[in-house]
Amino acid sequence: MRNVFNEEDTMTHPTRSLRGRLRAATALGAVALLGLTACGGSGSEQAASEFTGEYDGPAVELSYWNGFTGGDGPFMEKMVEEFNAEHENIKVTSNTMQWADFYQRLPAAVTAGEGPDVGVMHLDQLSSMAARNVIVPVDDLTDALELTGDDFTQEVWDAGVYQDERFGVPLDVHSLAMYYNTEHFEKAGITEAPTDAASFEDALKKLQAAGYKAPFWMPTLWPSHLMNLSLQWQNGNEPYDGEASKANFATPEGLEAIEWQRGIVEDGYSPSNVAIDSQYVAFKNGETSITWDGIWQFNDLEASGLPYAAAPIPTIGDEQAVWASSHNFFLPRQAQPDPDKADAAKVFIAWMSENSSEWAGSGMIPARESVRAEGALDGMPQEAIAEDIDSMRFLPPVPGIGAVQTETLEVGVSKAVLGEESPEDAMTEAAENASTLMEENKASFGE
C-alpha cells in the first residue's frame, strides 16, 4: 500500500489536487477512525432544537472545515463570503486544510470537544464518521427544507443514509469523463466521440493509423480502479454485495472488466507500465489522444490551451454506468451542543445547497436538479457530462470501504494491468482480501 502521506498527496499540483484528496479520503479517513473511541450513543441521541429553516437568534460565529485547497478553493470561499454578506447574525469562518489532514484531525478534534460547527466531506467517508459518532444525523434539516430524492439522483441521495438516518446533504457530484484531443480526432477522420466498445476500438485503430502509436494510456494506479468500478457496473456487476461482507471483483462480469483494461495494453494501445498521473500529463502535453479522468480536470485543461473536448466515458459493457463521488455537508457531534450554533449551521448548509450554482465554476456538477435546471451548467465544460447524471454510481455507505479499496481493489487492478498476475488471479486475491477486511470492519465499527 502506497504511503498516503507522501508527496503525491500534498495536493499542491493542479492536476493532482482532487485525485490526491480522494485517495486521502478513501485511504486515510477510515483507517484513522478505527482507533477512535465512540463518544457514546447513536447519532440520533444528541439533543437539538427543532429546526425551522431560519435563524433569528443572537450573533454567532461558525467554524467551517473543508479540504478545498486546490483550484476549487476560491469558488468555495466566494460562496462563504456571499453567505456572510446576506446573514448579519451569522459569520462563517473557513478552516481549509489538506484532505489528508482533515480526515485525520476531525475525529480527534470532535472527541476533544474542539471540532468545527459545520463541515463538508466526501460521500464515502460519511458512514465511517457516523459509525464512530463523529457526525450527527441531519434528517431534521432535510425534512424542514423538504429535501428529498426528487431533487437529486436517487443514487447520490441514498448513499448519504447510514442505518436509516441521513448524515450528509450533497453539494455536488463528480465523475470520470472521457477527454479527447480534437486535433488528433480530426487528423484520424473521427467525427464523433465514441460511445460504446465497438466505436471506441474503431477510434483507437484510426488514431494509430493516423500516426498516434499509443493513443490511450491505461494507468496502473489512479484512476485505474475507478475505471474498473465503472466497467464492473457497466457489466451488471455489483463490486460489493448488499450486506457489505463480500467483494465480487472476480465474478465473470468483474473479470470481463479487468480483462478489457489489460487488453488495452496487450493490443498495443498503451505502454505496459504507465506511472501514476503520467497518463494525464501525457494527454495534456498532446502525446496521447484519449484519457479517462475526473471532471475536476476541466479548469486545468481549459488553462492549458489544449484542443480538447469531453464526453461521458463509453459504455463498454451492457449498461451505461460510471464511477462518481460527491461532497456532502455534515454536522459534527458537539461535546456541549449550542442550539443557536446548530440552527445557524443548518441555515448555512441550506443556503449553500440552494445557491450551489456558484460551485459549478469549480468544475463540479451541482447535486440538486433544481439548481441545474436554472442554468447553472449552461456553457460549462461539464454540461455534457451532467446529461448522464442518472448513470453515475457511488460506493455503498459502508464504514471503512475506502480503505478496503485502497488495500485490495487498487492492488489487484494494478497487478492485472501490469501483467504481473493474470486478471483472474489478481482479482480473486483482491476479492478474498476485501471480503476479509469487510468482515473485520463490521466488528471494528460495531456493525
Protein backbone atom coordinates (compact mmCIF):
# COMPACT_ATOMS: atom_id res chain seq x y z
CA MET A 1 0.00 0.00 0.00
CA ARG A 2 1.39 3.40 -1.00
CA ASN A 3 2.16 5.78 1.84
CA VAL A 4 -0.81 8.13 1.89
CA PHE A 5 1.31 10.92 3.34
CA ASN A 6 3.87 11.02 0.52
CA GLU A 7 4.34 13.84 -1.94
CA GLU A 8 1.66 12.52 -4.31
CA ASP A 9 -0.98 13.64 -1.82
CA THR A 10 0.29 17.10 -0.93
CA MET A 11 -2.37 18.42 -3.33
CA THR A 12 -0.38 21.43 -4.45
CA HIS A 13 -0.14 20.33 -8.09
CA PRO A 14 -3.22 21.42 -10.06
CA THR A 15 -3.53 18.14 -11.95
CA ARG A 16 -3.25 16.08 -8.81
CA SER A 17 -5.31 18.00 -6.32
CA LEU A 18 -8.61 16.11 -6.33
CA ARG A 19 -7.03 12.76 -7.13
CA GLY A 20 -4.87 13.19 -4.07
CA ARG A 21 -7.77 14.32 -1.97
CA LEU A 22 -9.93 11.38 -2.97
CA ARG A 23 -7.11 8.94 -2.27
CA ALA A 24 -6.58 10.59 1.08
CA ALA A 25 -10.30 10.40 1.74
CA THR A 26 -10.54 6.71 0.98
CA ALA A 27 -7.21 5.59 2.37
CA LEU A 28 -6.78 7.67 5.48
CA GLY A 29 -10.19 8.53 6.81
CA ALA A 30 -11.43 5.06 7.63
CA VAL A 31 -8.04 3.92 8.90
CA ALA A 32 -7.84 6.86 11.30
CA LEU A 33 -11.33 6.13 12.57
CA LEU A 34 -10.54 2.56 13.50
CA GLY A 35 -8.77 3.78 16.62
CA LEU A 36 -11.41 6.32 17.64
CA THR A 37 -13.33 5.63 20.82
CA ALA A 38 -17.05 6.09 20.33
CA CYS A 39 -18.48 9.13 22.07
CA GLY A 40 -21.39 7.13 23.37
CA GLY A 41 -24.87 6.63 21.99
CA SER A 42 -26.19 6.78 18.47
CA GLY A 43 -26.18 9.91 16.38
CA SER A 44 -29.88 10.48 16.98
CA GLU A 45 -29.39 10.83 20.76
CA GLN A 46 -27.67 14.24 20.64
CA ALA A 47 -30.12 16.84 21.87
CA ALA A 48 -31.09 19.53 19.38
CA SER A 49 -33.86 22.05 18.99
CA GLU A 50 -36.41 21.65 16.24
CA PHE A 51 -35.07 23.33 13.10
CA THR A 52 -37.47 25.79 11.48
CA GLY A 53 -35.38 26.62 8.42
CA GLU A 54 -34.43 30.08 9.66
CA TYR A 55 -32.16 31.61 12.29
CA ASP A 56 -33.12 34.79 14.16
CA GLY A 57 -31.09 34.25 17.31
CA PRO A 58 -28.07 36.13 18.65
CA ALA A 59 -24.97 36.66 16.56
CA VAL A 60 -22.84 33.54 16.25
CA GLU A 61 -19.56 32.64 14.59
CA LEU A 62 -19.29 29.22 12.95
CA SER A 63 -16.12 27.26 12.29
CA TYR A 64 -16.38 25.60 8.88
CA TRP A 65 -13.90 22.84 7.99
CA ASN A 66 -13.21 21.83 4.41
CA GLY A 67 -10.41 20.50 2.23
CA PHE A 68 -10.78 22.69 -0.84
CA THR A 69 -7.13 23.69 -1.12
CA GLY A 70 -6.86 23.46 -4.92
CA GLY A 71 -8.45 25.40 -7.75
CA ASP A 72 -11.86 24.80 -6.21
CA GLY A 73 -10.92 26.76 -3.08
CA PRO A 74 -11.64 30.27 -4.41
CA PHE A 75 -15.12 29.22 -5.53
CA MET A 76 -15.94 27.86 -2.09
CA GLU A 77 -14.56 30.92 -0.34
CA LYS A 78 -16.61 33.21 -2.57
CA MET A 79 -19.76 31.30 -1.59
CA VAL A 80 -18.87 31.68 2.10
CA GLU A 81 -18.34 35.42 1.63
CA GLU A 82 -21.70 35.77 -0.10
CA PHE A 83 -23.42 33.86 2.70
CA ASN A 84 -21.82 36.10 5.34
CA ALA A 85 -22.89 39.21 3.44
CA GLU A 86 -26.51 38.05 3.49
CA HIS A 87 -26.60 36.98 7.15
CA GLU A 88 -25.79 39.71 9.67
CA ASN A 89 -26.16 37.38 12.67
CA ILE A 90 -24.04 34.52 11.29
CA LYS A 91 -20.35 34.70 10.49
CA VAL A 92 -18.77 31.62 8.93
CA THR A 93 -15.01 31.29 9.22
CA SER A 94 -13.37 28.72 6.96
CA ASN A 95 -10.63 26.43 8.18
CA THR A 96 -9.26 24.93 4.97
CA MET A 97 -6.71 22.14 5.11
CA GLN A 98 -5.44 19.23 3.04
CA TRP A 99 -7.99 16.42 2.93
CA ALA A 100 -5.46 14.04 4.46
CA ASP A 101 -5.14 16.34 7.47
CA PHE A 102 -8.89 16.87 7.55
CA TYR A 103 -9.74 13.18 7.92
CA GLN A 104 -7.01 12.67 10.50
CA ARG A 105 -7.84 15.73 12.62
CA LEU A 106 -11.65 15.63 12.59
CA PRO A 107 -12.26 12.55 14.81
CA ALA A 108 -9.71 13.64 17.40
CA ALA A 109 -10.97 17.23 17.43
CA VAL A 110 -14.59 16.15 17.91
CA THR A 111 -13.61 13.78 20.72
CA ALA A 112 -11.70 16.61 22.44
CA GLY A 113 -14.65 19.00 22.05
CA GLU A 114 -12.67 21.13 19.60
CA GLY A 115 -14.33 20.18 16.34
CA PRO A 116 -15.94 22.53 13.83
CA ASP A 117 -19.55 23.65 13.85
CA VAL A 118 -20.11 22.50 10.27
CA GLY A 119 -18.08 20.85 7.54
CA VAL A 120 -18.01 19.11 4.19
CA MET A 121 -16.53 15.71 3.36
CA HIS A 122 -16.51 13.07 0.64
CA LEU A 123 -19.53 10.83 0.43
CA ASP A 124 -17.63 7.61 1.04
CA GLN A 125 -16.50 8.90 4.46
CA LEU A 126 -19.94 9.61 5.89
CA SER A 127 -20.69 6.08 7.05
CA SER A 128 -17.30 5.69 8.74
CA MET A 129 -17.69 9.00 10.58
CA ALA A 130 -21.29 8.18 11.50
CA ALA A 131 -20.34 4.75 12.84
CA ARG A 132 -17.80 6.37 15.17
CA ASN A 133 -20.22 9.08 16.32
CA VAL A 134 -18.11 11.85 14.84
CA ILE A 135 -21.09 13.31 12.95
CA VAL A 136 -24.80 13.50 13.71
CA PRO A 137 -27.91 12.95 11.57
CA VAL A 138 -29.34 15.81 9.52
CA ASP A 139 -32.82 14.39 8.92
CA ASP A 140 -34.47 17.34 10.67
CA LEU A 141 -32.68 19.70 8.29
CA THR A 142 -33.71 17.87 5.13
CA ASP A 143 -37.25 17.43 6.47
CA ALA A 144 -37.57 21.15 7.25
CA LEU A 145 -36.32 22.06 3.79
CA GLU A 146 -38.46 19.33 2.24
CA LEU A 147 -35.38 17.96 0.53
CA THR A 148 -35.97 14.52 -0.96
CA GLY A 149 -34.53 12.28 -3.60
CA ASP A 150 -36.82 14.03 -6.08
CA ASP A 151 -34.31 16.91 -6.33
CA PHE A 152 -31.27 14.61 -6.56
CA THR A 153 -30.42 11.41 -8.34
CA GLN A 154 -31.59 8.53 -6.21
CA GLU A 155 -28.08 7.05 -6.19
CA VAL A 156 -26.40 10.04 -4.53
CA TRP A 157 -29.34 10.69 -2.22
CA ASP A 158 -29.45 7.13 -0.92
CA ALA A 159 -25.67 6.99 -0.44
CA GLY A 160 -25.91 9.58 2.35
CA VAL A 161 -28.02 7.28 4.55
CA TYR A 162 -26.42 5.06 7.17
CA GLN A 163 -28.52 2.75 9.36
CA ASP A 164 -31.74 4.52 8.32
CA GLU A 165 -30.51 8.01 9.23
CA ARG A 166 -29.21 10.73 6.90
CA PHE A 167 -25.77 12.13 7.64
CA GLY A 168 -24.99 14.24 4.57
CA VAL A 169 -26.51 16.86 2.28
CA PRO A 170 -25.00 16.52 -1.21
CA LEU A 171 -23.34 19.63 -2.62
CA ASP A 172 -22.16 18.15 -5.92
CA VAL A 173 -21.39 15.06 -7.91
CA HIS A 174 -18.13 14.47 -9.76
CA SER A 175 -17.42 11.55 -12.05
CA LEU A 176 -14.97 10.19 -14.56
CA ALA A 177 -15.20 11.60 -18.07
CA MET A 178 -13.56 10.87 -21.41
CA TYR A 179 -11.28 13.62 -22.70
CA TYR A 180 -10.07 13.55 -26.30
CA ASN A 181 -7.73 15.64 -28.42
CA THR A 182 -9.85 17.22 -31.14
CA GLU A 183 -6.87 17.78 -33.48
CA HIS A 184 -5.93 14.10 -33.24
CA PHE A 185 -9.51 13.08 -33.92
CA GLU A 186 -9.73 15.37 -36.94
CA LYS A 187 -6.49 14.01 -38.38
CA ALA A 188 -7.74 10.44 -37.84
CA GLY A 189 -11.06 11.20 -39.50
CA ILE A 190 -13.10 10.63 -36.35
CA THR A 191 -16.12 12.90 -36.38
CA GLU A 192 -17.90 11.86 -33.19
CA ALA A 193 -16.86 10.81 -29.70
CA PRO A 194 -17.01 7.01 -29.27
CA THR A 195 -19.93 5.82 -27.20
CA ASP A 196 -19.51 2.03 -26.94
CA ALA A 197 -16.90 -0.72 -27.15
CA ALA A 198 -17.01 -1.02 -30.92
CA SER A 199 -16.74 2.69 -31.69
CA PHE A 200 -14.05 3.11 -29.04
CA GLU A 201 -11.87 0.38 -30.54
CA ASP A 202 -12.52 1.76 -34.01
CA ALA A 203 -11.33 5.17 -32.83
CA LEU A 204 -8.16 3.67 -31.35
CA LYS A 205 -7.37 1.90 -34.61
CA LYS A 206 -7.92 5.06 -36.64
CA LEU A 207 -5.74 7.06 -34.29
CA GLN A 208 -2.92 4.55 -34.63
CA ALA A 209 -3.29 4.61 -38.40
CA ALA A 210 -3.00 8.40 -38.25
CA GLY A 211 0.37 8.11 -36.53
CA TYR A 212 -0.58 8.17 -32.84
CA LYS A 213 1.12 4.98 -31.73
CA ALA A 214 -0.24 4.79 -28.16
CA PRO A 215 -3.49 6.78 -28.21
CA PHE A 216 -4.98 5.65 -24.88
CA TRP A 217 -2.68 5.05 -21.91
CA MET A 218 -4.03 2.61 -19.35
CA PRO A 219 -2.85 3.71 -15.88
CA THR A 220 -1.61 1.11 -13.45
CA LEU A 221 -2.74 3.13 -10.43
CA TRP A 222 -5.07 6.10 -10.00
CA PRO A 223 -7.62 6.32 -11.57
CA SER A 224 -7.42 2.75 -12.89
CA HIS A 225 -9.53 1.30 -10.08
CA LEU A 226 -12.22 3.92 -10.75
CA MET A 227 -12.23 2.87 -14.38
CA ASN A 228 -12.54 -0.71 -13.20
CA LEU A 229 -15.52 0.07 -10.96
CA SER A 230 -17.21 1.83 -13.88
CA LEU A 231 -16.66 -1.19 -16.11
CA GLN A 232 -17.89 -3.60 -13.46
CA TRP A 233 -21.12 -1.63 -13.08
CA GLN A 234 -21.45 -1.47 -16.88
CA ASN A 235 -21.25 -5.26 -16.95
CA GLY A 236 -24.06 -5.52 -14.41
CA ASN A 237 -21.74 -6.46 -11.56
CA GLU A 238 -22.03 -5.10 -8.02
CA PRO A 239 -18.46 -4.87 -6.69
CA TYR A 240 -19.77 -5.26 -3.12
CA ASP A 241 -22.79 -7.30 -2.07
CA GLY A 242 -25.80 -5.85 -0.30
CA GLU A 243 -24.60 -6.88 3.14
CA ALA A 244 -21.17 -5.34 2.52
CA SER A 245 -19.48 -8.52 3.64
CA LYS A 246 -18.23 -9.83 0.31
CA ALA A 247 -16.41 -8.39 -2.68
CA ASN A 248 -17.41 -9.55 -6.15
CA PHE A 249 -14.42 -8.43 -8.19
CA ALA A 250 -13.76 -11.94 -9.53
CA THR A 251 -17.21 -12.77 -10.91
CA PRO A 252 -17.37 -13.38 -14.67
CA GLU A 253 -18.64 -9.81 -15.09
CA GLY A 254 -15.90 -8.46 -12.85
CA LEU A 255 -13.21 -10.35 -14.71
CA GLU A 256 -14.54 -9.08 -18.03
CA ALA A 257 -13.91 -5.54 -16.78
CA ILE A 258 -10.27 -6.08 -15.82
CA GLU A 259 -9.58 -8.17 -18.92
CA TRP A 260 -10.71 -5.24 -21.06
CA GLN A 261 -8.28 -2.96 -19.23
CA ARG A 262 -5.39 -5.39 -19.64
CA GLY A 263 -6.40 -5.85 -23.28
CA ILE A 264 -5.72 -2.16 -23.96
CA VAL A 265 -2.07 -2.86 -23.14
CA GLU A 266 -1.86 -6.21 -24.90
CA ASP A 267 -3.40 -4.76 -28.06
CA GLY A 268 -0.71 -2.10 -28.18
CA TYR A 269 -2.85 0.96 -27.49
CA SER A 270 -0.99 1.75 -24.26
CA PRO A 271 2.53 1.40 -22.85
CA SER A 272 2.89 -1.52 -20.48
CA ASN A 273 3.78 0.45 -17.35
CA VAL A 274 2.03 3.80 -17.02
CA ALA A 275 3.10 5.50 -13.79
CA ILE A 276 0.62 7.40 -11.66
CA ASP A 277 -0.54 10.69 -13.24
CA SER A 278 1.61 10.20 -16.33
CA GLN A 279 -1.40 9.34 -18.50
CA TYR A 280 -2.96 12.71 -17.70
CA VAL A 281 0.27 14.66 -18.14
CA ALA A 282 0.85 12.94 -21.49
CA PHE A 283 -2.65 13.85 -22.63
CA LYS A 284 -2.28 17.48 -21.56
CA ASN A 285 1.02 17.64 -23.43
CA GLY A 286 -0.60 16.32 -26.61
CA GLU A 287 1.26 12.98 -26.50
CA THR A 288 -1.88 10.85 -26.25
CA SER A 289 -5.28 11.17 -27.87
CA ILE A 290 -7.73 9.98 -25.20
CA THR A 291 -7.75 9.77 -21.43
CA TRP A 292 -10.35 8.94 -18.78
CA ASP A 293 -10.10 11.16 -15.74
CA GLY A 294 -12.25 13.13 -13.34
CA ILE A 295 -14.22 16.21 -14.23
CA TRP A 296 -12.07 18.10 -11.72
CA GLN A 297 -9.52 18.39 -14.56
CA PHE A 298 -11.67 20.78 -16.59
CA ASN A 299 -10.24 24.02 -15.25
CA ASP A 300 -6.69 22.75 -15.63
CA LEU A 301 -7.29 21.71 -19.24
CA GLU A 302 -9.04 24.97 -20.03
CA ALA A 303 -5.98 26.86 -18.80
CA SER A 304 -3.58 24.65 -20.75
CA GLY A 305 -4.85 25.68 -24.17
CA LEU A 306 -5.03 22.06 -25.32
CA PRO A 307 -7.51 21.48 -28.17
CA TYR A 308 -9.80 19.04 -26.41
CA ALA A 309 -13.40 18.04 -25.86
CA ALA A 310 -15.09 15.89 -23.24
CA ALA A 311 -17.83 13.29 -23.29
CA PRO A 312 -19.17 10.59 -20.98
CA ILE A 313 -16.98 7.50 -20.87
CA PRO A 314 -18.12 4.93 -23.44
CA THR A 315 -20.44 2.13 -22.44
CA ILE A 316 -18.02 -0.75 -22.88
CA GLY A 317 -20.42 -3.17 -21.19
CA ASP A 318 -24.17 -3.65 -21.47
CA GLU A 319 -25.43 -0.69 -19.47
CA GLN A 320 -24.39 2.91 -19.02
CA ALA A 321 -22.61 3.49 -15.70
CA VAL A 322 -19.68 5.48 -14.38
CA TRP A 323 -17.96 5.87 -11.03
CA ALA A 324 -18.75 9.08 -9.17
CA SER A 325 -18.36 10.68 -5.77
CA SER A 326 -19.86 13.67 -4.01
CA HIS A 327 -19.01 16.32 -1.43
CA ASN A 328 -21.55 16.34 1.39
CA PHE A 329 -22.20 18.89 4.13
CA PHE A 330 -22.32 17.43 7.64
CA LEU A 331 -22.77 18.41 11.28
CA PRO A 332 -20.15 17.22 13.78
CA ARG A 333 -21.09 15.88 17.19
CA GLN A 334 -20.66 18.55 19.86
CA ALA A 335 -19.48 17.86 23.41
CA GLN A 336 -21.60 20.81 24.59
CA PRO A 337 -24.31 21.42 21.98
CA ASP A 338 -25.21 25.05 21.34
CA PRO A 339 -28.76 25.24 19.87
CA ASP A 340 -28.06 28.64 18.32
CA LYS A 341 -24.93 27.46 16.54
CA ALA A 342 -26.69 24.25 15.49
CA ASP A 343 -29.53 26.17 13.86
CA ALA A 344 -27.14 28.66 12.26
CA ALA A 345 -25.07 25.79 10.83
CA LYS A 346 -28.19 24.30 9.31
CA VAL A 347 -29.07 27.65 7.74
CA PHE A 348 -25.57 27.72 6.27
CA ILE A 349 -25.94 24.22 4.78
CA ALA A 350 -29.36 25.08 3.39
CA TRP A 351 -28.09 28.29 1.77
CA MET A 352 -25.03 26.57 0.27
CA SER A 353 -27.22 23.84 -1.19
CA GLU A 354 -29.74 26.27 -2.63
CA ASN A 355 -27.02 28.52 -4.10
CA SER A 356 -24.72 25.79 -5.41
CA SER A 357 -24.79 27.18 -8.95
CA GLU A 358 -21.68 29.15 -7.93
CA TRP A 359 -19.93 25.87 -7.23
CA ALA A 360 -20.26 24.81 -10.87
CA GLY A 361 -17.32 27.11 -11.60
CA SER A 362 -15.06 24.66 -9.77
CA GLY A 363 -15.77 22.05 -12.43
CA MET A 364 -18.24 20.11 -10.29
CA ILE A 365 -21.86 19.32 -11.06
CA PRO A 366 -24.39 20.76 -8.57
CA ALA A 367 -26.18 17.84 -6.95
CA ARG A 368 -29.62 19.46 -6.95
CA GLU A 369 -31.64 19.07 -10.11
CA SER A 370 -33.47 22.33 -9.40
CA VAL A 371 -30.15 24.22 -9.44
CA ARG A 372 -29.08 22.59 -12.69
CA ALA A 373 -32.48 23.35 -14.23
CA GLU A 374 -31.93 27.05 -13.56
CA GLY A 375 -28.96 27.02 -15.96
CA ALA A 376 -26.03 26.54 -13.57
CA LEU A 377 -24.20 24.47 -16.18
CA ASP A 378 -25.06 26.45 -19.29
CA GLY A 379 -21.88 26.78 -21.32
CA MET A 380 -19.80 24.97 -18.71
CA PRO A 381 -17.43 22.20 -19.86
CA GLN A 382 -19.08 19.64 -17.56
CA GLU A 383 -22.52 20.28 -19.07
CA ALA A 384 -22.30 17.27 -21.40
CA ILE A 385 -21.24 15.01 -18.53
CA ALA A 386 -24.14 16.16 -16.37
CA GLU A 387 -26.58 14.97 -19.01
CA ASP A 388 -25.76 11.42 -17.94
CA ILE A 389 -26.00 12.10 -14.21
CA ASP A 390 -28.51 9.28 -13.74
CA SER A 391 -25.82 6.77 -14.74
CA MET A 392 -23.39 7.86 -12.03
CA ARG A 393 -22.76 5.21 -9.40
CA PHE A 394 -21.43 5.53 -5.87
CA LEU A 395 -19.81 3.27 -3.32
CA PRO A 396 -22.22 1.80 -0.77
CA PRO A 397 -22.50 3.52 2.64
CA VAL A 398 -20.26 1.02 4.41
CA PRO A 399 -17.80 2.04 7.17
CA GLY A 400 -14.20 1.57 6.09
CA ILE A 401 -14.99 0.88 2.43
CA GLY A 402 -12.42 3.39 1.20
CA ALA A 403 -9.53 1.73 2.99
CA VAL A 404 -10.70 -1.67 1.75
CA GLN A 405 -10.49 -0.43 -1.82
CA THR A 406 -7.05 1.06 -1.34
CA GLU A 407 -5.65 -2.13 0.12
CA THR A 408 -7.34 -4.61 -2.22
CA LEU A 409 -9.03 -3.42 -5.43
CA GLU A 410 -6.34 -0.91 -6.32
CA VAL A 411 -3.67 -3.55 -5.77
CA GLY A 412 -5.45 -6.18 -7.84
CA VAL A 413 -6.15 -3.82 -10.73
CA SER A 414 -2.53 -2.69 -10.76
CA LYS A 415 -1.17 -6.24 -10.83
CA ALA A 416 -3.50 -7.22 -13.65
CA VAL A 417 -2.87 -4.12 -15.79
CA LEU A 418 0.88 -4.55 -15.35
CA GLY A 419 0.64 -8.23 -16.29
CA GLU A 420 2.29 -9.26 -13.02
CA GLU A 421 -0.58 -11.70 -12.45
CA SER A 422 -3.39 -12.93 -14.64
CA PRO A 423 -6.58 -10.89 -14.32
CA GLU A 424 -8.31 -13.85 -12.69
CA ASP A 425 -5.56 -14.46 -10.12
CA ALA A 426 -5.16 -10.77 -9.31
CA MET A 427 -8.86 -10.10 -8.82
CA THR A 428 -9.54 -13.34 -6.98
CA GLU A 429 -6.87 -12.44 -4.46
CA ALA A 430 -8.17 -8.88 -4.21
CA ALA A 431 -11.75 -10.06 -3.67
CA GLU A 432 -10.75 -12.53 -0.97
CA ASN A 433 -8.71 -9.91 0.86
CA ALA A 434 -11.50 -7.35 0.55
CA SER A 435 -14.08 -9.78 1.91
CA THR A 436 -11.86 -10.49 4.90
CA LEU A 437 -11.34 -6.80 5.62
CA MET A 438 -15.05 -6.05 5.34
CA GLU A 439 -15.86 -8.74 7.88
CA GLU A 440 -13.20 -7.31 10.20
CA ASN A 441 -14.62 -3.82 9.71
CA LYS A 442 -18.05 -4.98 10.85
CA ALA A 443 -16.53 -5.82 14.22
CA SER A 444 -14.33 -2.71 14.32
CA PHE A 445 -17.19 -0.37 13.54
CA GLY A 446 -19.73 -2.17 15.71
CA GLU A 447 -21.85 -3.36 12.82
